[in-house]
Every structure is written in C-alpha cells, then in structure tokens.
Amino acid sequence: MSAEREIAGFVLPFTVGTAASFIIFQHPHAASAYSAHVSLLTASILSILLLHPIHKNLSYRILWTFIGILAFCTGCFSYLSDQSSRDFATEIFPSYRNLAAGFGELMSNSIARLPMQDTDTNHLINALITGDRSGISEETLEAFRKSGASHILSLSGFHLGIIYGILRAIFSLFGNSRSSKILRSLVLISICGFYTSATGARASITRAFLFILLGETASLTGRYRNIKNILWTALLIQLVIKPEEIRDIGFQLSYAAIFGIAYIYPHLKEAWPEKSKDKGIIHRSLHWIWASASMSIACQVTTGPLAFMYFGTFPKYFLLTNMIALPLAGLIIPMSLTMLLLHNLGLCPDILFQLTEWVINIFTESLKTIASL
C-alpha cells in the first residue's frame, strides 16, 4: 500500500466521522456527550489492540478495517469534545493576533488611500488583497456571482500562491546553499503565516498556508512534493486544530477544488499529448489553453455540486470566466501589491495607478459581459 493510500486510509474516515458528528449533533446535548465518550472508548480499545503484538496475526483487510473505525471514532470525538475549537491565537499568542489584525487593518486603510479615479477600484483591490468585499457595489458582486467568479473574491490558494510565488522568486536571489534554503523556507512560512492571520485566517486561506508549510517541509527534508499526500495531511491537521471548520462552506469548497486538481486534472491534462509542446509557439499556446481548461473543468466537477446544493446555481460559462478572469486577477494582485508598496514609500509613478485601474476595468467589464450572456 502506497504512503498516499495509507494517509488517505486514515484521514478519510476521520473526516467522515467529523462530518457525521456535525450532521447528527449540530447542537450540544446529552446524546452528543454520550456519543463522545463512546467514541473515545472505542478508539482507545482499538488503539490498544493495534499496539499489541496480536495485531500481527490480523489479516491485511481486518487490520485496515480497525484503523478505519479508529479514525472514524477519533473524528467523532474530536468534533464532539470541542476541545480543539478554541481560538489558539487568542489564548496563547494574543500579542501576535493583535499585531496581525492591526496589520490587516493597516493594509485596508492604505488601499483606501490609493489615488484611484473610481473608488470601486479601491474596494476591489481591498477584496483581492485582504478578502474584505464589503465596499464592492452590488452590481459588481452580482456580476461575479452570475459569471461564476465569486471564488476570486474569497482569499484562497490562488491569492496566497501568487504572493508566495513572488516572495520565492525574490528570495531565490540569495542562492541555493543548504543554509539559504532553510532560511528562505523559514522566512516564506513566517510571512505567509502572518499574512494568513492578518486577513482573518479563514478556512480556505488556512488550507493554502498549510499546503505551503507542508510543501516547504517536504523540500527541506528531501521529500517529493506529492499534492495528494499534502492534501490529506493538511485536511487532517486543519480538522484536528479546528474541527468545527467542517461546517464552513469555504472549507468544503476549497478542499473539493484541490481534490479535483489532485485526482481529476492530471487525467484531463494527459488527453493532450505532452510532446506537442515542443512543436512551436502555436502548439505550446494550445497546450497551455488545454491545461488551463482542464484545471477549470476538474475544479468545477468537484465544487459544482456543492455550489448548487448551497446556492442553487451553476455557472454556465465557468470555463470562459476562468480563462479570462484568473489570468487578469493573477496580473492585478502583484500590480496592486507593487503599487501599494511604492505608494507608501512615496515612489509610485502615476502610470502604475492608471495601468492598474485600466486592467481592473477590463477585468470587471469582462465579468459583467459574461454575466449578461
């Protein structure tokens, strides 16, 4: 059995146990407390059995059945006991949390002071950088909803991944020695973790940070960055630390999207022969388009049913939306961060304000056009 299947063999029933407890016991009462004790007792008995030498006499199928039941009961107990649902940052690191929250507020205030011609531009930048969409007009929000681009306004791996990529490129200039790699990873993890806290540590961006943390750890320890292993490990860590996040729609959609990327996207991408990338710019461009389309389809297959269940809608033009909106958003975010930094230093040229606003106008008008189809 591969390491990936072993991890999934424990994490999947753990997640099912957490979800089942949430569905059955949405409000604490005597039955939930009783169930928590039963889950703990069952998990304890199975743990003793699996630690005892007698487990060597069990067949492979029975052994993994016991492990699955153990994981399920552990998930039930984790949710029902509510021991992990407290806010660790508040109780253990109050100064850090206050500092992060203050920095988040500072970013929002700095964005609001950017001298843009249309204040809606400031509000959209604020949403893309801090996740606060409160200032965006209802017309623009409706365009995002109808076009299927609402996920772009929710901080996630897409946003943190861009910031991570920029920082990684900058710090790569300091060399690739062992000490440089260790220092670079520590700095990247620290900055991304602080940004996650500053923007509210919502479920989706926390998932993204865990991916960065696990990815950097894998690199430092000489392990291959297996997205499937990282997916299951991040899911386990997030549910152990905060099991009530299983109720969060953003949590569910975020992991559903990554599941599609990990398990469906590779098969779709392989439908286009890899060797075609070497045949010139046209074939390379077509291959890039196919890879982007495959990514969008894979995510939509896994997130579409959830979105329809919660919101009763399914974006008909999601493929067109993602092909246009994601590259533009990927351009707007680094441009906005550069503009924000230079503006605070008093060094930002007017052309950068104008260029950023122009790209944002194309971005929003494109979504409004798609929404009207």
Foldseek 3Di string as FASTA:
>chain_A
DDPLVVLCLQLVLLLVLLVVLCVVPVDDDPVLVVLLVVLVVLLVVLVVVCVDPCLVVDDPVVNSVSSSSNSSSNSSNLNSVCPQADDCCVPPPVVLLVVLQVVLVVLLVLLCPPPFPDSLLSLQLNLQQQVDNPPHDPLLVLLCVLQVNNVNSHDALLSLVLVLVVLCVVLCVVDDDLVSLVVSLVVSLVVLVSSCSSSPVQQRSVLNSQLSNVQSVCVNVVHDSQLSNSLSVSSVVVCNNRVVCSPPLSNQLNSLLSCLVRPPLVVQLVVLPPVQCPVDDVSVVVSVLSSQLSSQVSSCVRNVVVCCVVPVDGHPNSSVLSVPQSVLSSVLNVLSVVQSVCVVVVRHDPVSSVVSVVSVVVNSVVSNVSSVD
